[in-house]
Amino acid sequence: MYTRFILAMAMLIGVAACTNSKTATEADFGNSKASLIKAQTANPAVLSNPTSDPVTGVDPDYAGNVIEAMRENVSKGEEVQQPISIRVGGQQGSN
């Protein structure tokens, strides 16, 4: 009798684990990516009505700002050439 009860409970738990209910994370999956793409688009109206025409130019002010931002964020050689220290567990030493 006790074995049947355990078997029945195991089967109930197994069936309950196979339900199709979505968690809160699964229900919202992909919306974060979509909102980031929309936020990074210079002209969001094009997302809903895309064109097959090739890009023939760019706004000069926008391009200038992008180039300046890229130049400001370049790493300095002195910063990049620092030694890398990797420690595993409780190892002692300077390397």
N, C-alpha and C. Protein backbone atom coordinates (compact mmCIF):
# COMPACT_ATOMS: atom_id res chain seq x y z
N MET A 1 0.81 -1.19 0.00
CA MET A 1 0.00 0.00 0.00
C MET A 1 0.86 1.26 0.00
N TYR A 2 1.90 1.25 0.85
CA TYR A 2 2.80 2.38 0.96
C TYR A 2 3.53 2.60 -0.36
N THR A 3 3.93 1.54 -1.04
CA THR A 3 4.63 1.64 -2.31
C THR A 3 3.73 2.24 -3.38
N ARG A 4 2.46 1.88 -3.39
CA ARG A 4 1.52 2.44 -4.38
C ARG A 4 1.34 3.94 -4.15
N PHE A 5 1.31 4.34 -2.88
CA PHE A 5 1.15 5.76 -2.56
C PHE A 5 2.35 6.56 -3.07
N ILE A 6 3.55 6.05 -2.83
CA ILE A 6 4.77 6.73 -3.30
C ILE A 6 4.80 6.77 -4.82
N LEU A 7 4.43 5.68 -5.47
CA LEU A 7 4.40 5.63 -6.92
C LEU A 7 3.38 6.62 -7.48
N ALA A 8 2.21 6.70 -6.87
CA ALA A 8 1.17 7.64 -7.31
C ALA A 8 1.63 9.08 -7.12
N MET A 9 2.30 9.38 -6.02
CA MET A 9 2.79 10.75 -5.78
C MET A 9 3.88 11.10 -6.80
N ALA A 10 4.76 10.16 -7.09
CA ALA A 10 5.82 10.40 -8.07
C ALA A 10 5.22 10.67 -9.45
N MET A 11 4.20 9.95 -9.81
CA MET A 11 3.54 10.16 -11.10
C MET A 11 2.85 11.52 -11.12
N LEU A 12 2.20 11.90 -10.04
CA LEU A 12 1.54 13.21 -9.96
C LEU A 12 2.56 14.34 -10.11
N ILE A 13 3.66 14.21 -9.42
CA ILE A 13 4.70 15.24 -9.51
C ILE A 13 5.27 15.29 -10.92
N GLY A 14 5.46 14.14 -11.54
CA GLY A 14 5.97 14.09 -12.92
C GLY A 14 5.03 14.75 -13.90
N VAL A 15 3.73 14.50 -13.76
CA VAL A 15 2.74 15.12 -14.65
C VAL A 15 2.67 16.62 -14.40
N ALA A 16 2.75 17.03 -13.16
CA ALA A 16 2.68 18.46 -12.83
C ALA A 16 3.89 19.20 -13.40
N ALA A 17 5.03 18.55 -13.47
CA ALA A 17 6.23 19.19 -14.01
C ALA A 17 6.15 19.39 -15.52
N CYS A 18 5.28 18.68 -16.18
CA CYS A 18 5.17 18.76 -17.64
C CYS A 18 4.09 19.72 -18.12
N THR A 19 3.55 20.55 -17.26
CA THR A 19 2.50 21.47 -17.68
C THR A 19 3.07 22.56 -18.57
N ASN A 20 2.22 23.25 -19.29
CA ASN A 20 2.65 24.28 -20.24
C ASN A 20 2.55 25.69 -19.68
N SER A 21 2.45 25.86 -18.40
CA SER A 21 2.36 27.21 -17.85
C SER A 21 3.71 27.90 -17.97
N LYS A 22 3.68 29.14 -18.46
CA LYS A 22 4.90 29.90 -18.64
C LYS A 22 5.22 30.67 -17.37
N THR A 23 6.50 30.77 -17.08
CA THR A 23 6.93 31.58 -15.95
C THR A 23 6.93 33.04 -16.40
N ALA A 24 7.12 33.94 -15.46
CA ALA A 24 7.15 35.37 -15.79
C ALA A 24 8.29 35.69 -16.75
N THR A 25 9.41 35.01 -16.58
CA THR A 25 10.56 35.24 -17.47
C THR A 25 10.26 34.76 -18.88
N GLU A 26 9.65 33.60 -19.00
CA GLU A 26 9.33 33.06 -20.32
C GLU A 26 8.27 33.89 -21.03
N ALA A 27 7.31 34.45 -20.30
CA ALA A 27 6.27 35.25 -20.91
C ALA A 27 6.83 36.55 -21.49
N ASP A 28 7.92 37.08 -20.90
CA ASP A 28 8.51 38.34 -21.33
C ASP A 28 9.76 38.13 -22.19
N PHE A 29 10.04 36.89 -22.56
CA PHE A 29 11.27 36.57 -23.28
C PHE A 29 11.31 37.27 -24.64
N GLY A 30 12.39 37.95 -24.94
CA GLY A 30 12.57 38.61 -26.23
C GLY A 30 12.19 40.08 -26.24
N ASN A 31 11.38 40.52 -25.29
CA ASN A 31 10.96 41.93 -25.28
C ASN A 31 12.12 42.86 -24.97
N SER A 32 13.05 42.43 -24.14
CA SER A 32 14.21 43.25 -23.80
C SER A 32 15.06 43.49 -25.04
N LYS A 33 15.31 42.43 -25.80
CA LYS A 33 16.11 42.56 -27.02
C LYS A 33 15.42 43.48 -28.02
N ALA A 34 14.12 43.30 -28.18
CA ALA A 34 13.37 44.12 -29.13
C ALA A 34 13.41 45.60 -28.74
N SER A 35 13.29 45.89 -27.44
CA SER A 35 13.31 47.29 -27.00
C SER A 35 14.69 47.91 -27.18
N LEU A 36 15.76 47.11 -27.00
CA LEU A 36 17.11 47.64 -27.22
C LEU A 36 17.35 47.94 -28.69
N ILE A 37 16.89 47.07 -29.57
CA ILE A 37 17.04 47.31 -31.01
C ILE A 37 16.29 48.57 -31.41
N LYS A 38 15.09 48.74 -30.89
CA LYS A 38 14.30 49.92 -31.22
C LYS A 38 14.96 51.19 -30.70
N ALA A 39 15.56 51.10 -29.49
CA ALA A 39 16.22 52.28 -28.91
C ALA A 39 17.48 52.66 -29.66
N GLN A 40 18.15 51.69 -30.29
CA GLN A 40 19.39 51.97 -31.00
C GLN A 40 19.17 52.38 -32.45
N THR A 41 17.94 52.35 -32.91
CA THR A 41 17.65 52.69 -34.29
C THR A 41 17.53 54.20 -34.43
N ALA A 42 18.23 54.78 -35.40
CA ALA A 42 18.20 56.22 -35.60
C ALA A 42 16.82 56.70 -36.04
N ASN A 43 16.12 55.89 -36.86
CA ASN A 43 14.80 56.25 -37.33
C ASN A 43 13.86 55.06 -37.05
N PRO A 44 13.19 55.04 -35.88
CA PRO A 44 12.35 53.90 -35.51
C PRO A 44 11.21 53.61 -36.48
N ALA A 45 10.77 54.59 -37.26
CA ALA A 45 9.67 54.37 -38.20
C ALA A 45 10.06 53.36 -39.28
N VAL A 46 11.35 53.25 -39.58
CA VAL A 46 11.82 52.32 -40.61
C VAL A 46 11.66 50.87 -40.15
N LEU A 47 11.66 50.63 -38.84
CA LEU A 47 11.51 49.26 -38.34
C LEU A 47 10.17 48.66 -38.73
N SER A 48 9.13 49.46 -38.71
CA SER A 48 7.80 48.95 -39.05
C SER A 48 7.55 48.94 -40.56
N ASN A 49 8.29 49.74 -41.32
CA ASN A 49 8.11 49.81 -42.77
C ASN A 49 9.49 49.83 -43.44
N PRO A 50 10.21 48.68 -43.45
CA PRO A 50 11.57 48.68 -44.01
C PRO A 50 11.57 48.86 -45.52
N THR A 51 12.68 49.37 -46.02
CA THR A 51 12.84 49.57 -47.45
C THR A 51 13.99 48.70 -47.96
N SER A 52 13.96 48.38 -49.23
CA SER A 52 15.04 47.57 -49.81
C SER A 52 16.09 48.45 -50.50
N ASP A 53 15.90 49.76 -50.47
CA ASP A 53 16.86 50.68 -51.09
C ASP A 53 18.17 50.66 -50.30
N PRO A 54 19.31 50.76 -51.00
CA PRO A 54 20.60 50.79 -50.29
C PRO A 54 20.80 52.11 -49.57
N VAL A 55 21.60 52.10 -48.53
CA VAL A 55 21.92 53.32 -47.79
C VAL A 55 22.90 54.12 -48.64
N THR A 56 22.59 55.40 -48.86
CA THR A 56 23.43 56.22 -49.73
C THR A 56 24.14 57.33 -48.98
N GLY A 57 23.85 57.52 -47.71
CA GLY A 57 24.51 58.58 -46.97
C GLY A 57 24.21 58.48 -45.49
N VAL A 58 24.78 59.43 -44.74
CA VAL A 58 24.57 59.47 -43.30
C VAL A 58 24.55 60.93 -42.86
N ASP A 59 23.84 61.18 -41.78
CA ASP A 59 23.78 62.53 -41.24
C ASP A 59 25.19 62.92 -40.77
N PRO A 60 25.74 64.03 -41.26
CA PRO A 60 27.13 64.39 -40.92
C PRO A 60 27.34 64.61 -39.42
N ASP A 61 26.39 65.23 -38.75
CA ASP A 61 26.54 65.47 -37.31
C ASP A 61 26.56 64.16 -36.54
N TYR A 62 25.68 63.25 -36.93
CA TYR A 62 25.62 61.94 -36.28
C TYR A 62 26.93 61.18 -36.50
N ALA A 63 27.43 61.19 -37.73
CA ALA A 63 28.67 60.49 -38.04
C ALA A 63 29.85 61.10 -37.27
N GLY A 64 29.87 62.42 -37.17
CA GLY A 64 30.94 63.08 -36.42
C GLY A 64 30.91 62.70 -34.95
N ASN A 65 29.72 62.64 -34.37
CA ASN A 65 29.59 62.24 -32.96
C ASN A 65 30.04 60.81 -32.73
N VAL A 66 29.70 59.93 -33.65
CA VAL A 66 30.11 58.52 -33.53
C VAL A 66 31.62 58.40 -33.60
N ILE A 67 32.24 59.10 -34.54
CA ILE A 67 33.70 59.02 -34.69
C ILE A 67 34.39 59.59 -33.46
N GLU A 68 33.90 60.70 -32.92
CA GLU A 68 34.50 61.28 -31.72
C GLU A 68 34.38 60.33 -30.53
N ALA A 69 33.23 59.70 -30.38
CA ALA A 69 33.04 58.75 -29.28
C ALA A 69 33.99 57.57 -29.42
N MET A 70 34.21 57.11 -30.63
CA MET A 70 35.12 55.99 -30.84
C MET A 70 36.57 56.39 -30.55
N ARG A 71 36.94 57.61 -30.87
CA ARG A 71 38.31 58.06 -30.62
C ARG A 71 38.57 58.27 -29.13
N GLU A 72 37.55 58.72 -28.39
CA GLU A 72 37.72 58.98 -26.96
C GLU A 72 37.86 57.69 -26.17
N ASN A 73 37.25 56.61 -26.61
CA ASN A 73 37.22 55.37 -25.84
C ASN A 73 38.32 54.38 -26.23
N VAL A 74 39.34 54.83 -26.93
CA VAL A 74 40.44 53.95 -27.31
C VAL A 74 41.33 53.74 -26.09
N SER A 75 41.71 52.51 -25.82
CA SER A 75 42.57 52.20 -24.68
C SER A 75 43.98 52.71 -24.92
N LYS A 76 44.62 53.14 -23.85
CA LYS A 76 46.00 53.60 -23.93
C LYS A 76 46.93 52.38 -23.88
N GLY A 77 48.06 52.46 -24.56
CA GLY A 77 49.00 51.35 -24.60
C GLY A 77 49.51 50.95 -23.23
N GLU A 78 49.71 51.93 -22.34
CA GLU A 78 50.22 51.63 -21.00
C GLU A 78 49.20 50.82 -20.20
N GLU A 79 47.93 51.09 -20.41
CA GLU A 79 46.88 50.38 -19.67
C GLU A 79 46.72 48.95 -20.17
N VAL A 80 46.89 48.75 -21.45
CA VAL A 80 46.66 47.44 -22.05
C VAL A 80 47.79 46.48 -21.72
N GLN A 81 49.02 46.97 -21.57
CA GLN A 81 50.18 46.12 -21.39
C GLN A 81 50.42 45.71 -19.94
N GLN A 82 49.47 45.92 -19.05
CA GLN A 82 49.61 45.50 -17.66
C GLN A 82 49.59 43.97 -17.59
N PRO A 83 50.36 43.36 -16.67
CA PRO A 83 50.35 41.89 -16.57
C PRO A 83 49.01 41.37 -16.06
N ILE A 84 48.66 40.20 -16.54
CA ILE A 84 47.41 39.57 -16.13
C ILE A 84 47.71 38.61 -15.00
N SER A 85 46.98 38.74 -13.89
CA SER A 85 47.18 37.87 -12.73
C SER A 85 45.96 36.98 -12.58
N ILE A 86 46.19 35.66 -12.65
CA ILE A 86 45.11 34.70 -12.51
C ILE A 86 45.36 33.87 -11.27
N ARG A 87 44.41 33.87 -10.35
CA ARG A 87 44.54 33.09 -9.13
C ARG A 87 43.46 32.03 -9.11
N VAL A 88 43.86 30.81 -8.76
CA VAL A 88 42.92 29.70 -8.70
C VAL A 88 42.90 29.20 -7.27
N GLY A 89 41.70 29.19 -6.68
CA GLY A 89 41.58 28.68 -5.31
C GLY A 89 42.35 29.52 -4.33
N GLY A 90 43.11 28.89 -3.45
CA GLY A 90 43.85 29.59 -2.42
C GLY A 90 45.33 29.66 -2.70
N GLN A 91 45.73 29.70 -3.96
CA GLN A 91 47.16 29.73 -4.31
C GLN A 91 47.79 31.01 -3.81
N GLN A 92 49.02 30.91 -3.40
CA GLN A 92 49.79 32.07 -2.95
C GLN A 92 50.85 32.39 -3.99
N GLY A 93 51.22 33.62 -4.08
CA GLY A 93 52.29 34.01 -5.01
C GLY A 93 51.89 35.26 -5.76
N SER A 94 52.83 35.82 -6.49
CA SER A 94 52.59 37.07 -7.20
C SER A 94 52.17 36.85 -8.64
N ASN A 95 52.21 35.64 -9.15
CA ASN A 95 51.85 35.38 -10.55
C ASN A 95 50.45 34.92 -10.65
